[in-house]
Amino acid sequence: QLRERLNSLLRGLFTAGALRGATAAEAFNVRCDRSTMSQRDLDTGR
């Protein structure tokens, strides 16, 4: 859900011209998964 909300915002910024790149994939990237959090983050609810 968080990835989708942030991706939606950045797609809007890309369409408006705030971000550069031939495609949205070139303009931005959002990651929110186990690769961005440690086990301690998961245990503390962050």
Full PDB file with SEQRES, HELIX, SHEET, SSBOND, CRYST1, ORIGX, SCALE, CONECT and MASTER records, all heavy atoms in Angstrom:
SEQRES   1 A   46  GLN LEU ARG GLU ARG LEU ASN SER LEU LEU ARG GLY LEU          
SEQRES   2 A   46  PHE THR ALA GLY ALA LEU ARG GLY ALA THR ALA ALA GLU          
SEQRES   3 A   46  ALA PHE ASN VAL ARG CYS ASP ARG SER THR MET SER GLN          
SEQRES   4 A   46  ARG ASP LEU ASP THR GLY ARG                                  
HELIX    1 AA1 LEU A    2  ALA A   16  1                                  15    
HELIX    2 AA2 ALA A   24  ALA A   27  1                                   4    
HELIX    3 AA3 GLN A   39  ASP A   43  1                                   5    
CRYST1    1.000    1.000    1.000  90.00  90.00  90.00 P 1           1          
ORIGX1      1.000000  0.000000  0.000000        0.00000                         
ORIGX2      0.000000  1.000000  0.000000        0.00000                         
ORIGX3      0.000000  0.000000  1.000000        0.00000                         
SCALE1      1.000000  0.000000  0.000000        0.00000                         
SCALE2      0.000000  1.000000  0.000000        0.00000                         
SCALE3      0.000000  0.000000  1.000000        0.00000                         
ATOM      1  N   GLN A   1       0.829  -1.208   0.000  1.00  0.00           N  
ATOM      2  CA  GLN A   1       0.000   0.000   0.000  1.00  0.00           C  
ATOM      3  C   GLN A   1       0.864   1.259   0.000  1.00  0.00           C  
ATOM      4  O   GLN A   1       0.587   2.203  -0.742  1.00  0.00           O  
ATOM      5  CB  GLN A   1      -0.903  -0.001   1.236  1.00  0.00           C  
ATOM      6  CG  GLN A   1      -1.979  -1.069   1.245  1.00  0.00           C  
ATOM      7  CD  GLN A   1      -2.737  -1.103   2.550  1.00  0.00           C  
ATOM      8  OE1 GLN A   1      -2.665  -0.161   3.348  1.00  0.00           O  
ATOM      9  NE2 GLN A   1      -3.461  -2.194   2.796  1.00  0.00           N  
ATOM     10  N   LEU A   2       1.911   1.261   0.828  1.00  0.00           N  
ATOM     11  CA  LEU A   2       2.782   2.437   0.894  1.00  0.00           C  
ATOM     12  C   LEU A   2       3.532   2.632  -0.420  1.00  0.00           C  
ATOM     13  O   LEU A   2       3.681   3.761  -0.899  1.00  0.00           O  
ATOM     14  CB  LEU A   2       3.769   2.295   2.051  1.00  0.00           C  
ATOM     15  CG  LEU A   2       3.142   2.334   3.448  1.00  0.00           C  
ATOM     16  CD1 LEU A   2       4.193   2.059   4.512  1.00  0.00           C  
ATOM     17  CD2 LEU A   2       2.471   3.673   3.709  1.00  0.00           C  
ATOM     18  N   ARG A   3       3.994   1.540  -1.018  1.00  0.00           N  
ATOM     19  CA  ARG A   3       4.675   1.646  -2.322  1.00  0.00           C  
ATOM     20  C   ARG A   3       3.742   2.245  -3.361  1.00  0.00           C  
ATOM     21  O   ARG A   3       4.134   3.114  -4.139  1.00  0.00           O  
ATOM     22  CB  ARG A   3       5.157   0.267  -2.787  1.00  0.00           C  
ATOM     23  CG  ARG A   3       6.423  -0.228  -2.135  1.00  0.00           C  
ATOM     24  CD  ARG A   3       7.048  -1.361  -2.942  1.00  0.00           C  
ATOM     25  NE  ARG A   3       6.107  -2.461  -3.170  1.00  0.00           N  
ATOM     26  CZ  ARG A   3       5.957  -3.506  -2.365  1.00  0.00           C  
ATOM     27  NH1 ARG A   3       6.689  -3.583  -1.262  1.00  0.00           N  
ATOM     28  NH2 ARG A   3       5.091  -4.473  -2.640  1.00  0.00           N  
ATOM     29  N   GLU A   4       2.504   1.800  -3.369  1.00  0.00           N  
ATOM     30  CA  GLU A   4       1.561   2.277  -4.373  1.00  0.00           C  
ATOM     31  C   GLU A   4       1.247   3.762  -4.178  1.00  0.00           C  
ATOM     32  O   GLU A   4       1.156   4.515  -5.146  1.00  0.00           O  
ATOM     33  CB  GLU A   4       0.273   1.452  -4.327  1.00  0.00           C  
ATOM     34  CG  GLU A   4      -0.781   1.882  -5.354  1.00  0.00           C  
ATOM     35  CD  GLU A   4      -0.231   1.936  -6.781  1.00  0.00           C  
ATOM     36  OE1 GLU A   4       0.603   1.081  -7.134  1.00  0.00           O  
ATOM     37  OE2 GLU A   4      -0.626   2.858  -7.535  1.00  0.00           O  
ATOM     38  N   ARG A   5       1.089   4.193  -2.921  1.00  0.00           N  
ATOM     39  CA  ARG A   5       0.793   5.608  -2.677  1.00  0.00           C  
ATOM     40  C   ARG A   5       1.961   6.497  -3.087  1.00  0.00           C  
ATOM     41  O   ARG A   5       1.772   7.542  -3.699  1.00  0.00           O  
ATOM     42  CB  ARG A   5       0.443   5.822  -1.208  1.00  0.00           C  
ATOM     43  CG  ARG A   5      -0.899   5.221  -0.823  1.00  0.00           C  
ATOM     44  CD  ARG A   5      -1.347   5.642   0.553  1.00  0.00           C  
ATOM     45  NE  ARG A   5      -1.618   7.075   0.641  1.00  0.00           N  
ATOM     46  CZ  ARG A   5      -2.325   7.627   1.619  1.00  0.00           C  
ATOM     47  NH1 ARG A   5      -2.832   6.853   2.571  1.00  0.00           N  
ATOM     48  NH2 ARG A   5      -2.526   8.928   1.656  1.00  0.00           N  
ATOM     49  N   LEU A   6       3.167   6.068  -2.753  1.00  0.00           N  
ATOM     50  CA  LEU A   6       4.331   6.866  -3.142  1.00  0.00           C  
ATOM     51  C   LEU A   6       4.545   6.819  -4.643  1.00  0.00           C  
ATOM     52  O   LEU A   6       4.901   7.820  -5.266  1.00  0.00           O  
ATOM     53  CB  LEU A   6       5.575   6.368  -2.399  1.00  0.00           C  
ATOM     54  CG  LEU A   6       5.578   6.631  -0.887  1.00  0.00           C  
ATOM     55  CD1 LEU A   6       6.760   5.939  -0.225  1.00  0.00           C  
ATOM     56  CD2 LEU A   6       5.608   8.119  -0.594  1.00  0.00           C  
ATOM     57  N   ASN A   7       4.338   5.659  -5.257  1.00  0.00           N  
ATOM     58  CA  ASN A   7       4.454   5.565  -6.716  1.00  0.00           C  
ATOM     59  C   ASN A   7       3.424   6.438  -7.409  1.00  0.00           C  
ATOM     60  O   ASN A   7       3.714   7.080  -8.422  1.00  0.00           O  
ATOM     61  CB  ASN A   7       4.288   4.106  -7.166  1.00  0.00           C  
ATOM     62  CG  ASN A   7       5.586   3.323  -7.142  1.00  0.00           C  
ATOM     63  OD1 ASN A   7       6.596   3.760  -7.704  1.00  0.00           O  
ATOM     64  ND2 ASN A   7       5.583   2.173  -6.493  1.00  0.00           N  
ATOM     65  N   SER A   8       2.203   6.472  -6.856  1.00  0.00           N  
ATOM     66  CA  SER A   8       1.161   7.306  -7.449  1.00  0.00           C  
ATOM     67  C   SER A   8       1.548   8.781  -7.401  1.00  0.00           C  
ATOM     68  O   SER A   8       1.366   9.525  -8.375  1.00  0.00           O  
ATOM     69  CB  SER A   8      -0.162   7.068  -6.730  1.00  0.00           C  
ATOM     70  OG  SER A   8      -1.175   7.910  -7.235  1.00  0.00           O  
ATOM     71  N   LEU A   9       2.077   9.214  -6.257  1.00  0.00           N  
ATOM     72  CA  LEU A   9       2.526  10.603  -6.139  1.00  0.00           C  
ATOM     73  C   LEU A   9       3.630  10.908  -7.144  1.00  0.00           C  
ATOM     74  O   LEU A   9       3.579  11.927  -7.851  1.00  0.00           O  
ATOM     75  CB  LEU A   9       3.033  10.861  -4.721  1.00  0.00           C  
ATOM     76  CG  LEU A   9       3.802  12.177  -4.526  1.00  0.00           C  
ATOM     77  CD1 LEU A   9       2.850  13.356  -4.616  1.00  0.00           C  
ATOM     78  CD2 LEU A   9       4.543  12.184  -3.197  1.00  0.00           C  
ATOM     79  N   LEU A  10       4.613  10.046  -7.236  1.00  0.00           N  
ATOM     80  CA  LEU A  10       5.744  10.301  -8.124  1.00  0.00           C  
ATOM     81  C   LEU A  10       5.337  10.224  -9.590  1.00  0.00           C  
ATOM     82  O   LEU A  10       5.882  10.953 -10.423  1.00  0.00           O  
ATOM     83  CB  LEU A  10       6.866   9.313  -7.814  1.00  0.00           C  
ATOM     84  CG  LEU A  10       7.536   9.548  -6.450  1.00  0.00           C  
ATOM     85  CD1 LEU A  10       8.383   8.355  -6.048  1.00  0.00           C  
ATOM     86  CD2 LEU A  10       8.386  10.801  -6.482  1.00  0.00           C  
ATOM     87  N   ARG A  11       4.365   9.359  -9.916  1.00  0.00           N  
ATOM     88  CA  ARG A  11       3.869   9.341 -11.302  1.00  0.00           C  
ATOM     89  C   ARG A  11       3.218  10.672 -11.652  1.00  0.00           C  
ATOM     90  O   ARG A  11       3.378  11.189 -12.765  1.00  0.00           O  
ATOM     91  CB  ARG A  11       2.868   8.190 -11.496  1.00  0.00           C  
ATOM     92  CG  ARG A  11       3.507   6.843 -11.738  1.00  0.00           C  
ATOM     93  CD  ARG A  11       2.479   5.837 -12.237  1.00  0.00           C  
ATOM     94  NE  ARG A  11       1.434   5.567 -11.248  1.00  0.00           N  
ATOM     95  CZ  ARG A  11       1.498   4.616 -10.337  1.00  0.00           C  
ATOM     96  NH1 ARG A  11       2.567   3.824 -10.289  1.00  0.00           N  
ATOM     97  NH2 ARG A  11       0.509   4.425  -9.485  1.00  0.00           N  
ATOM     98  N   GLY A  12       2.466  11.227 -10.685  1.00  0.00           N  
ATOM     99  CA  GLY A  12       1.864  12.538 -10.921  1.00  0.00           C  
ATOM    100  C   GLY A  12       2.908  13.615 -11.113  1.00  0.00           C  
ATOM    101  O   GLY A  12       2.782  14.480 -11.989  1.00  0.00           O  
ATOM    102  N   LEU A  13       3.972  13.582 -10.303  1.00  0.00           N  
ATOM    103  CA  LEU A  13       5.053  14.558 -10.450  1.00  0.00           C  
ATOM    104  C   LEU A  13       5.771  14.373 -11.776  1.00  0.00           C  
ATOM    105  O   LEU A  13       6.159  15.344 -12.437  1.00  0.00           O  
ATOM    106  CB  LEU A  13       6.031  14.424  -9.283  1.00  0.00           C  
ATOM    107  CG  LEU A  13       5.505  14.847  -7.908  1.00  0.00           C  
ATOM    108  CD1 LEU A  13       6.488  14.460  -6.815  1.00  0.00           C  
ATOM    109  CD2 LEU A  13       5.243  16.352  -7.876  1.00  0.00           C  
ATOM    110  N   PHE A  14       5.945  13.129 -12.193  1.00  0.00           N  
ATOM    111  CA  PHE A  14       6.594  12.857 -13.479  1.00  0.00           C  
ATOM    112  C   PHE A  14       5.746  13.388 -14.632  1.00  0.00           C  
ATOM    113  O   PHE A  14       6.256  14.036 -15.557  1.00  0.00           O  
ATOM    114  CB  PHE A  14       6.823  11.352 -13.637  1.00  0.00           C  
ATOM    115  CG  PHE A  14       7.285  10.941 -15.006  1.00  0.00           C  
ATOM    116  CD1 PHE A  14       8.566  11.263 -15.449  1.00  0.00           C  
ATOM    117  CD2 PHE A  14       6.444  10.249 -15.862  1.00  0.00           C  
ATOM    118  CE1 PHE A  14       9.001  10.891 -16.713  1.00  0.00           C  
ATOM    119  CE2 PHE A  14       6.865   9.873 -17.129  1.00  0.00           C  
ATOM    120  CZ  PHE A  14       8.138  10.193 -17.554  1.00  0.00           C  
ATOM    121  N   THR A  15       4.436  13.156 -14.564  1.00  0.00           N  
ATOM    122  CA  THR A  15       3.538  13.641 -15.618  1.00  0.00           C  
ATOM    123  C   THR A  15       3.530  15.167 -15.667  1.00  0.00           C  
ATOM    124  O   THR A  15       3.454  15.771 -16.746  1.00  0.00           O  
ATOM    125  CB  THR A  15       2.110  13.128 -15.370  1.00  0.00           C  
ATOM    126  OG1 THR A  15       2.135  11.692 -15.330  1.00  0.00           O  
ATOM    127  CG2 THR A  15       1.170  13.587 -16.470  1.00  0.00           C  
ATOM    128  N   ALA A  16       3.651  15.802 -14.494  1.00  0.00           N  
ATOM    129  CA  ALA A  16       3.631  17.269 -14.435  1.00  0.00           C  
ATOM    130  C   ALA A  16       4.952  17.885 -14.863  1.00  0.00           C  
ATOM    131  O   ALA A  16       5.026  19.107 -15.040  1.00  0.00           O  
ATOM    132  CB  ALA A  16       3.279  17.719 -13.020  1.00  0.00           C  
ATOM    133  N   GLY A  17       5.995  17.089 -14.994  1.00  0.00           N  
ATOM    134  CA  GLY A  17       7.278  17.619 -15.442  1.00  0.00           C  
ATOM    135  C   GLY A  17       8.268  17.881 -14.327  1.00  0.00           C  
ATOM    136  O   GLY A  17       9.323  18.469 -14.563  1.00  0.00           O  
ATOM    137  N   ALA A  18       7.952  17.440 -13.089  1.00  0.00           N  
ATOM    138  CA  ALA A  18       8.879  17.675 -11.985  1.00  0.00           C  
ATOM    139  C   ALA A  18      10.059  16.722 -12.004  1.00  0.00           C  
ATOM    140  O   ALA A  18      11.108  17.014 -11.428  1.00  0.00           O  
ATOM    141  CB  ALA A  18       8.136  17.546 -10.649  1.00  0.00           C  
ATOM    142  N   LEU A  19       9.895  15.567 -12.655  1.00  0.00           N  
ATOM    143  CA  LEU A  19      10.945  14.563 -12.714  1.00  0.00           C  
ATOM    144  C   LEU A  19      11.368  14.353 -14.161  1.00  0.00           C  
ATOM    145  O   LEU A  19      10.554  14.453 -15.084  1.00  0.00           O  
ATOM    146  CB  LEU A  19      10.468  13.238 -12.108  1.00  0.00           C  
ATOM    147  CG  LEU A  19       9.874  13.322 -10.695  1.00  0.00           C  
ATOM    148  CD1 LEU A  19       9.425  11.946 -10.240  1.00  0.00           C  
ATOM    149  CD2 LEU A  19      10.871  13.907  -9.729  1.00  0.00           C  
ATOM    150  N   ARG A  20      12.626  14.054 -14.363  1.00  0.00           N  
ATOM    151  CA  ARG A  20      13.122  13.871 -15.721  1.00  0.00           C  
ATOM    152  C   ARG A  20      13.360  12.398 -16.005  1.00  0.00           C  
ATOM    153  O   ARG A  20      13.657  11.600 -15.119  1.00  0.00           O  
ATOM    154  CB  ARG A  20      14.408  14.663 -15.924  1.00  0.00           C  
ATOM    155  CG  ARG A  20      15.600  14.137 -15.166  1.00  0.00           C  
ATOM    156  CD  ARG A  20      16.879  14.855 -15.562  1.00  0.00           C  
ATOM    157  NE  ARG A  20      18.014  14.328 -14.827  1.00  0.00           N  
ATOM    158  CZ  ARG A  20      18.925  15.050 -14.224  1.00  0.00           C  
ATOM    159  NH1 ARG A  20      18.830  16.357 -14.228  1.00  0.00           N  
ATOM    160  NH2 ARG A  20      19.945  14.487 -13.583  1.00  0.00           N  
ATOM    161  N   GLY A  21      13.235  12.048 -17.273  1.00  0.00           N  
ATOM    162  CA  GLY A  21      13.411  10.677 -17.715  1.00  0.00           C  
ATOM    163  C   GLY A  21      12.468  10.387 -18.864  1.00  0.00           C  
ATOM    164  O   GLY A  21      11.379  10.968 -18.953  1.00  0.00           O  
ATOM    165  N   ALA A  22      12.878   9.482 -19.737  1.00  0.00           N  
ATOM    166  CA  ALA A  22      12.023   9.136 -20.871  1.00  0.00           C  
ATOM    167  C   ALA A  22      10.785   8.376 -20.414  1.00  0.00           C  
ATOM    168  O   ALA A  22       9.720   8.472 -21.023  1.00  0.00           O  
ATOM    169  CB  ALA A  22      12.815   8.314 -21.884  1.00  0.00           C  
ATOM    170  N   THR A  23      10.911   7.606 -19.346  1.00  0.00           N  
ATOM    171  CA  THR A  23       9.787   6.853 -18.797  1.00  0.00           C  
ATOM    172  C   THR A  23       9.748   7.052 -17.288  1.00  0.00           C  
ATOM    173  O   THR A  23      10.705   7.532 -16.677  1.00  0.00           O  
ATOM    174  CB  THR A  23       9.923   5.354 -19.098  1.00  0.00           C  
ATOM    175  OG1 THR A  23      11.106   4.852 -18.435  1.00  0.00           O  
ATOM    176  CG2 THR A  23      10.037   5.106 -20.603  1.00  0.00           C  
ATOM    177  N   ALA A  24       8.636   6.651 -16.695  1.00  0.00           N  
ATOM    178  CA  ALA A  24       8.515   6.764 -15.249  1.00  0.00           C  
ATOM    179  C   ALA A  24       9.562   5.906 -14.550  1.00  0.00           C  
ATOM    180  O   ALA A  24      10.080   6.272 -13.489  1.00  0.00           O  
ATOM    181  CB  ALA A  24       7.110   6.354 -14.811  1.00  0.00           C  
ATOM    182  N   ALA A  25       9.886   4.751 -15.130  1.00  0.00           N  
ATOM    183  CA  ALA A  25      10.885   3.874 -14.524  1.00  0.00           C  
ATOM    184  C   ALA A  25      12.255   4.542 -14.472  1.00  0.00           C  
ATOM    185  O   ALA A  25      13.040   4.282 -13.560  1.00  0.00           O  
ATOM    186  CB  ALA A  25      10.959   2.556 -15.300  1.00  0.00           C  
ATOM    187  N   GLU A  26      12.549   5.385 -15.446  1.00  0.00           N  
ATOM    188  CA  GLU A  26      13.818   6.105 -15.438  1.00  0.00           C  
ATOM    189  C   GLU A  26      13.800   7.275 -14.461  1.00  0.00           C  
ATOM    190  O   GLU A  26      14.844   7.689 -13.945  1.00  0.00           O  
ATOM    191  CB  GLU A  26      14.136   6.638 -16.840  1.00  0.00           C  
ATOM    192  CG  GLU A  26      14.472   5.567 -17.865  1.00  0.00           C  
ATOM    193  CD  GLU A  26      14.828   6.174 -19.204  1.00  0.00           C  
ATOM    194  OE1 GLU A  26      14.958   7.421 -19.282  1.00  0.00           O  
ATOM    195  OE2 GLU A  26      14.978   5.421 -20.172  1.00  0.00           O  
ATOM    196  N   ALA A  27      12.616   7.803 -14.194  1.00  0.00           N  
ATOM    197  CA  ALA A  27      12.511   9.019 -13.390  1.00  0.00           C  
ATOM    198  C   ALA A  27      12.526   8.753 -11.888  1.00  0.00           C  
ATOM    199  O   ALA A  27      13.028   9.579 -11.117  1.00  0.00           O  
ATOM    200  CB  ALA A  27      11.236   9.778 -13.759  1.00  0.00           C  
ATOM    201  N   PHE A  28      11.976   7.611 -11.451  1.00  0.00           N  
ATOM    202  CA  PHE A  28      11.907   7.379 -10.005  1.00  0.00           C  
ATOM    203  C   PHE A  28      11.822   5.896  -9.705  1.00  0.00           C  
ATOM    204  O   PHE A  28      11.531   5.070 -10.577  1.00  0.00           O  
ATOM    205  CB  PHE A  28      10.707   8.102  -9.393  1.00  0.00           C  
ATOM    206  CG  PHE A  28       9.368   7.598  -9.877  1.00  0.00           C  
ATOM    207  CD1 PHE A  28       8.723   6.544  -9.235  1.00  0.00           C  
ATOM    208  CD2 PHE A  28       8.746   8.183 -10.972  1.00  0.00           C  
ATOM    209  CE1 PHE A  28       7.498   6.082  -9.680  1.00  0.00           C  
ATOM    210  CE2 PHE A  28       7.511   7.729 -11.418  1.00  0.00           C  
ATOM    211  CZ  PHE A  28       6.888   6.677 -10.769  1.00  0.00           C  
ATOM    212  N   ASN A  29      12.086   5.581  -8.447  1.00  0.00           N  
ATOM    213  CA  ASN A  29      12.025   4.208  -7.979  1.00  0.00           C  
ATOM    214  C   ASN A  29      11.658   4.223  -6.495  1.00  0.00           C  
ATOM    215  O   ASN A  29      12.192   5.035  -5.730  1.00  0.00           O  
ATOM    216  CB  ASN A  29      13.372   3.504  -8.180  1.00  0.00           C  
ATOM    217  CG  ASN A  29      13.363   2.102  -7.602  1.00  0.00           C  
ATOM    218  OD1 ASN A  29      12.466   1.316  -7.852  1.00  0.00           O  
ATOM    219  ND2 ASN A  29      14.382   1.793  -6.805  1.00  0.00           N  
ATOM    220  N   VAL A  30      10.747   3.367  -6.094  1.00  0.00           N  
ATOM    221  CA  VAL A  30      10.322   3.267  -4.701  1.00  0.00           C  
ATOM    222  C   VAL A  30      10.498   1.827  -4.245  1.00  0.00           C  
ATOM    223  O   VAL A  30      10.034   0.892  -4.900  1.00  0.00           O  
ATOM    224  CB  VAL A  30       8.844   3.688  -4.524  1.00  0.00           C  
ATOM    225  CG1 VAL A  30       8.415   3.518  -3.067  1.00  0.00           C  
ATOM    226  CG2 VAL A  30       8.642   5.129  -4.965  1.00  0.00           C  
ATOM    227  N   ARG A  31      11.166   1.668  -3.106  1.00  0.00           N  
ATOM    228  CA  ARG A  31      11.331   0.340  -2.509  1.00  0.00           C  
ATOM    229  C   ARG A  31      10.825   0.366  -1.070  1.00  0.00           C  
ATOM    230  O   ARG A  31      11.157   1.269  -0.306  1.00  0.00           O  
ATOM    231  CB  ARG A  31      12.797  -0.099  -2.521  1.00  0.00           C  
ATOM    232  CG  ARG A  31      13.331  -0.416  -3.907  1.00  0.00           C  
ATOM    233  CD  ARG A  31      14.714  -1.047  -3.856  1.00  0.00           C  
ATOM    234  NE  ARG A  31      15.714  -0.146  -3.295  1.00  0.00           N  
ATOM    235  CZ  ARG A  31      16.409  -0.406  -2.198  1.00  0.00           C  
ATOM    236  NH1 ARG A  31      16.205  -1.529  -1.515  1.00  0.00           N  
ATOM    237  NH2 ARG A  31      17.308   0.468  -1.759  1.00  0.00           N  
ATOM    238  N   CYS A  32      10.022  -0.603  -0.723  1.00  0.00           N  
ATOM    239  CA  CYS A  32       9.537  -0.764   0.649  1.00  0.00           C  
ATOM    240  C   CYS A  32       9.247  -2.251   0.833  1.00  0.00           C  
ATOM    241  O   CYS A  32       8.154  -2.739   0.541  1.00  0.00           O  
ATOM    242  CB  CYS A  32       8.286   0.087   0.892  1.00  0.00           C  
ATOM    243  SG  CYS A  32       7.664  -0.006   2.599  1.00  0.00           S  
ATOM    244  N   ASP A  33      10.259  -2.982   1.261  1.00  0.00           N  
ATOM    245  CA  ASP A  33      10.152  -4.431   1.426  1.00  0.00           C  
ATOM    246  C   ASP A  33      11.207  -4.877   2.425  1.00  0.00           C  
ATOM    247  O   ASP A  33      11.814  -4.062   3.116  1.00  0.00           O  
ATOM    248  CB  ASP A  33      10.304  -5.145   0.074  1.00  0.00           C  
ATOM    249  CG  ASP A  33      11.527  -4.672  -0.703  1.00  0.00           C  
ATOM    250  OD1 ASP A  33      12.572  -4.408  -0.048  1.00  0.00           O  
ATOM    251  OD2 ASP A  33      11.458  -4.555  -1.938  1.00  0.00           O  
ATOM    252  N   ARG A  34      11.451  -6.175   2.469  1.00  0.00           N  
ATOM    253  CA  ARG A  34      12.413  -6.688   3.442  1.00  0.00           C  
ATOM    254  C   ARG A  34      13.840  -6.219   3.170  1.00  0.00           C  
ATOM    255  O   ARG A  34      14.674  -6.245   4.080  1.00  0.00           O  
ATOM    256  CB  ARG A  34      12.359  -8.226   3.473  1.00  0.00           C  
ATOM    257  CG  ARG A  34      11.060  -8.762   4.051  1.00  0.00           C  
ATOM    258  CD  ARG A  34      11.100 -10.255   4.264  1.00  0.00           C  
ATOM    259  NE  ARG A  34       9.852 -10.714   4.860  1.00  0.00           N  
ATOM    260  CZ  ARG A  34       9.611 -10.733   6.164  1.00  0.00           C  
ATOM    261  NH1 ARG A  34      10.535 -10.310   7.005  1.00  0.00           N  
ATOM    262  NH2 ARG A  34       8.457 -11.159   6.626  1.00  0.00           N  
ATOM    263  N   SER A  35      14.107  -5.774   1.965  1.00  0.00           N  
ATOM    264  CA  SER A  35      15.458  -5.292   1.655  1.00  0.00           C  
ATOM    265  C   SER A  35      15.735  -3.917   2.266  1.00  0.00           C  
ATOM    266  O   SER A  35      16.890  -3.519   2.385  1.00  0.00           O  
ATOM    267  CB  SER A  35      15.667  -5.237   0.142  1.00  0.00           C  
ATOM    268  OG  SER A  35      14.868  -4.210  -0.435  1.00  0.00           O  
ATOM    269  N   THR A  36      14.692  -3.185   2.654  1.00  0.00           N  
ATOM    270  CA  THR A  36      14.883  -1.843   3.228  1.00  0.00           C  
ATOM    271  C   THR A  36      14.788  -1.842   4.747  1.00  0.00           C  
ATOM    272  O   THR A  36      14.993  -0.801   5.371  1.00  0.00           O  
ATOM    273  CB  THR A  36      13.837  -0.862   2.666  1.00  0.00           C  
ATOM    274  OG1 THR A  36      12.527  -1.270   3.091  1.00  0.00           O  
ATOM    275  CG2 THR A  36      13.886  -0.804   1.152  1.00  0.00           C  
ATOM    276  N   MET A  37      14.455  -2.997   5.354  1.00  0.00           N  
ATOM    277  CA  MET A  37      14.262  -3.053   6.803  1.00  0.00           C  
ATOM    278  C   MET A  37      15.037  -4.204   7.415  1.00  0.00           C  
ATOM    279  O   MET A  37      15.169  -5.270   6.804  1.00  0.00           O  
ATOM    280  CB  MET A  37      12.768  -3.208   7.132  1.00  0.00           C  
ATOM    281  CG  MET A  37      11.928  -1.978   6.827  1.00  0.00           C  
ATOM    282  SD  MET A  37      10.158  -2.313   6.878  1.00  0.00           S  
ATOM    283  CE  MET A  37       9.868  -2.891   5.200  1.00  0.00           C  
ATOM    284  N   SER A  38      15.542  -3.956   8.605  1.00  0.00           N  
ATOM    285  CA  SER A  38      16.206  -5.017   9.360  1.00  0.00           C  
ATOM    286  C   SER A  38      15.173  -5.723  10.239  1.00  0.00           C  
ATOM    287  O   SER A  38      14.026  -5.276  10.376  1.00  0.00           O  
ATOM    288  CB  SER A  38      17.312  -4.422  10.233  1.00  0.00           C  
ATOM    289  OG  SER A  38      16.752  -3.577  11.229  1.00  0.00           O  
ATOM    290  N   GLN A  39      15.576  -6.837  10.858  1.00  0.00           N  
ATOM    291  CA  GLN A  39      14.663  -7.539  11.752  1.00  0.00           C  
ATOM    292  C   GLN A  39      14.298  -6.669  12.946  1.00  0.00           C  
ATOM    293  O   GLN A  39      13.169  -6.714  13.443  1.00  0.00           O  
ATOM    294  CB  GLN A  39      15.323  -8.838  12.238  1.00  0.00           C  
ATOM    295  CG  GLN A  39      14.387  -9.722  13.051  1.00  0.00           C  
ATOM    296  CD  GLN A  39      13.139 -10.120  12.264  1.00  0.00           C  
ATOM    297  OE1 GLN A  39      13.222 -10.527  11.105  1.00  0.00           O  
ATOM    298  NE2 GLN A  39      11.962  -9.988  12.886  1.00  0.00           N  
ATOM    299  N   ARG A  40      15.247  -5.814  13.372  1.00  0.00           N  
ATOM    300  CA  ARG A  40      14.952  -4.914  14.484  1.00  0.00           C  
ATOM    301  C   ARG A  40      13.868  -3.914  14.099  1.00  0.00           C  
ATOM    302  O   ARG A  40      12.995  -3.592  14.907  1.00  0.00           O  
ATOM    303  CB  ARG A  40      16.222  -4.186  14.906  1.00  0.00           C  
ATOM    304  CG  ARG A  40      16.019  -3.269  16.111  1.00  0.00           C  
ATOM    305  CD  ARG A  40      17.311  -2.610  16.520  1.00  0.00           C  
ATOM    306  NE  ARG A  40      17.119  -1.720  17.662  1.00  0.00           N  
ATOM    307  CZ  ARG A  40      18.072  -1.004  18.221  1.00  0.00           C  
ATOM    308  NH1 ARG A  40      19.315  -1.076  17.750  1.00  0.00           N  
ATOM    309  NH2 ARG A  40      17.805  -0.227  19.250  1.00  0.00           N  
ATOM    310  N   ASP A  41      13.921  -3.411  12.851  1.00  0.00           N  
ATOM    311  CA  ASP A  41      12.876  -2.504  12.377  1.00  0.00           C  
ATOM    312  C   ASP A  41      11.516  -3.186  12.408  1.00  0.00           C  
ATOM    313  O   ASP A  41      10.511  -2.608  12.841  1.00  0.00           O  
ATOM    314  CB  ASP A  41      13.184  -2.024  10.961  1.00  0.00           C  
ATOM    315  CG  ASP A  41      14.422  -1.152  10.889  1.00  0.00           C  
ATOM    316  OD1 ASP A  41      14.643  -0.372  11.829  1.00  0.00           O  
ATOM    317  OD2 ASP A  41      15.171  -1.257   9.908  1.00  0.00           O  
ATOM    318  N   LEU A  42      11.490  -4.447  11.953  1.00  0.00           N  
ATOM    319  CA  LEU A  42      10.227  -5.178  11.937  1.00  0.00           C  
ATOM    320  C   LEU A  42       9.708  -5.406  13.359  1.00  0.00           C  
ATOM    321  O   LEU A  42       8.502  -5.286  13.609  1.00  0.00           O  
ATOM    322  CB  LEU A  42      10.415  -6.521  11.221  1.00  0.00           C  
ATOM    323  CG  LEU A  42      10.824  -6.447   9.745  1.00  0.00           C  
ATOM    324  CD1 LEU A  42      11.093  -7.843   9.200  1.00  0.00           C  
ATOM    325  CD2 LEU A  42       9.746  -5.761   8.923  1.00  0.00           C  
ATOM    326  N   ASP A  43      10.610  -5.705  14.293  1.00  0.00           N  
ATOM    327  CA  ASP A  43      10.194  -5.974  15.671  1.00  0.00           C  
ATOM    328  C   ASP A  43       9.666  -4.720  16.358  1.00  0.00           C  
ATOM    329  O   ASP A  43       8.796  -4.808  17.235  1.00  0.00           O  
ATOM    330  CB  ASP A  43      11.379  -6.534  16.464  1.00  0.00           C  
ATOM    331  CG  ASP A  43      11.803  -7.913  15.969  1.00  0.00           C  
ATOM    332  OD1 ASP A  43      10.988  -8.575  15.307  1.00  0.00           O  
ATOM    333  OD2 ASP A  43      12.954  -8.313  16.241  1.00  0.00           O  
ATOM    334  N   THR A  44      10.211  -3.552  15.995  1.00  0.00           N  
ATOM    335  CA  THR A  44       9.789  -2.294  16.638  1.00  0.00           C  
ATOM    336  C   THR A  44       8.671  -1.597  15.887  1.00  0.00           C  
ATOM    337  O   THR A  44       8.262  -0.500  16.269  1.00  0.00           O  
ATOM    338  CB  THR A  44      10.991  -1.338  16.765  1.00  0.00           C  
ATOM    339  OG1 THR A  44      11.555  -1.110  15.463  1.00  0.00           O  
ATOM    340  CG2 THR A  44      12.047  -1.910  17.679  1.00  0.00           C  
ATOM    341  N   GLY A  45       8.177  -2.200  14.819  1.00  0.00           N  
ATOM    342  CA  GLY A  45       7.051  -1.618  14.093  1.00  0.00           C  
ATOM    343  C   GLY A  45       7.413  -0.443  13.207  1.00  0.00           C  
ATOM    344  O   GLY A  45       6.552   0.391  12.901  1.00  0.00           O  
ATOM    345  N   ARG A  46       8.669  -0.369  12.785  1.00  0.00           N  
ATOM    346  CA  ARG A  46       9.089   0.726  11.923  1.00  0.00           C  
ATOM    347  C   ARG A  46       9.131   0.250  10.474  1.00  0.00           C  
ATOM    348  O   ARG A  46       9.721  -0.780  10.167  1.00  0.00           O  
ATOM    349  CB  ARG A  46      10.459   1.255  12.338  1.00  0.00           C  
ATOM    350  CG  ARG A  46      10.861   2.481  11.551  1.00  0.00           C  
ATOM    351  CD  ARG A  46      11.986   3.243  12.200  1.00  0.00           C  
ATOM    352  NE  ARG A  46      13.253   2.518  12.186  1.00  0.00           N  
ATOM    353  CZ  ARG A  46      14.428   3.102  12.408  1.00  0.00           C  
ATOM    354  NH1 ARG A  46      14.480   4.382  12.686  1.00  0.00           N  
ATOM    355  NH2 ARG A  46      15.529   2.396  12.389  1.00  0.00           N  
TER     356      ARG A  46                                                      
MASTER        0    0    0    3    0    0    0    6  355    1    0    4          
END                                                                             
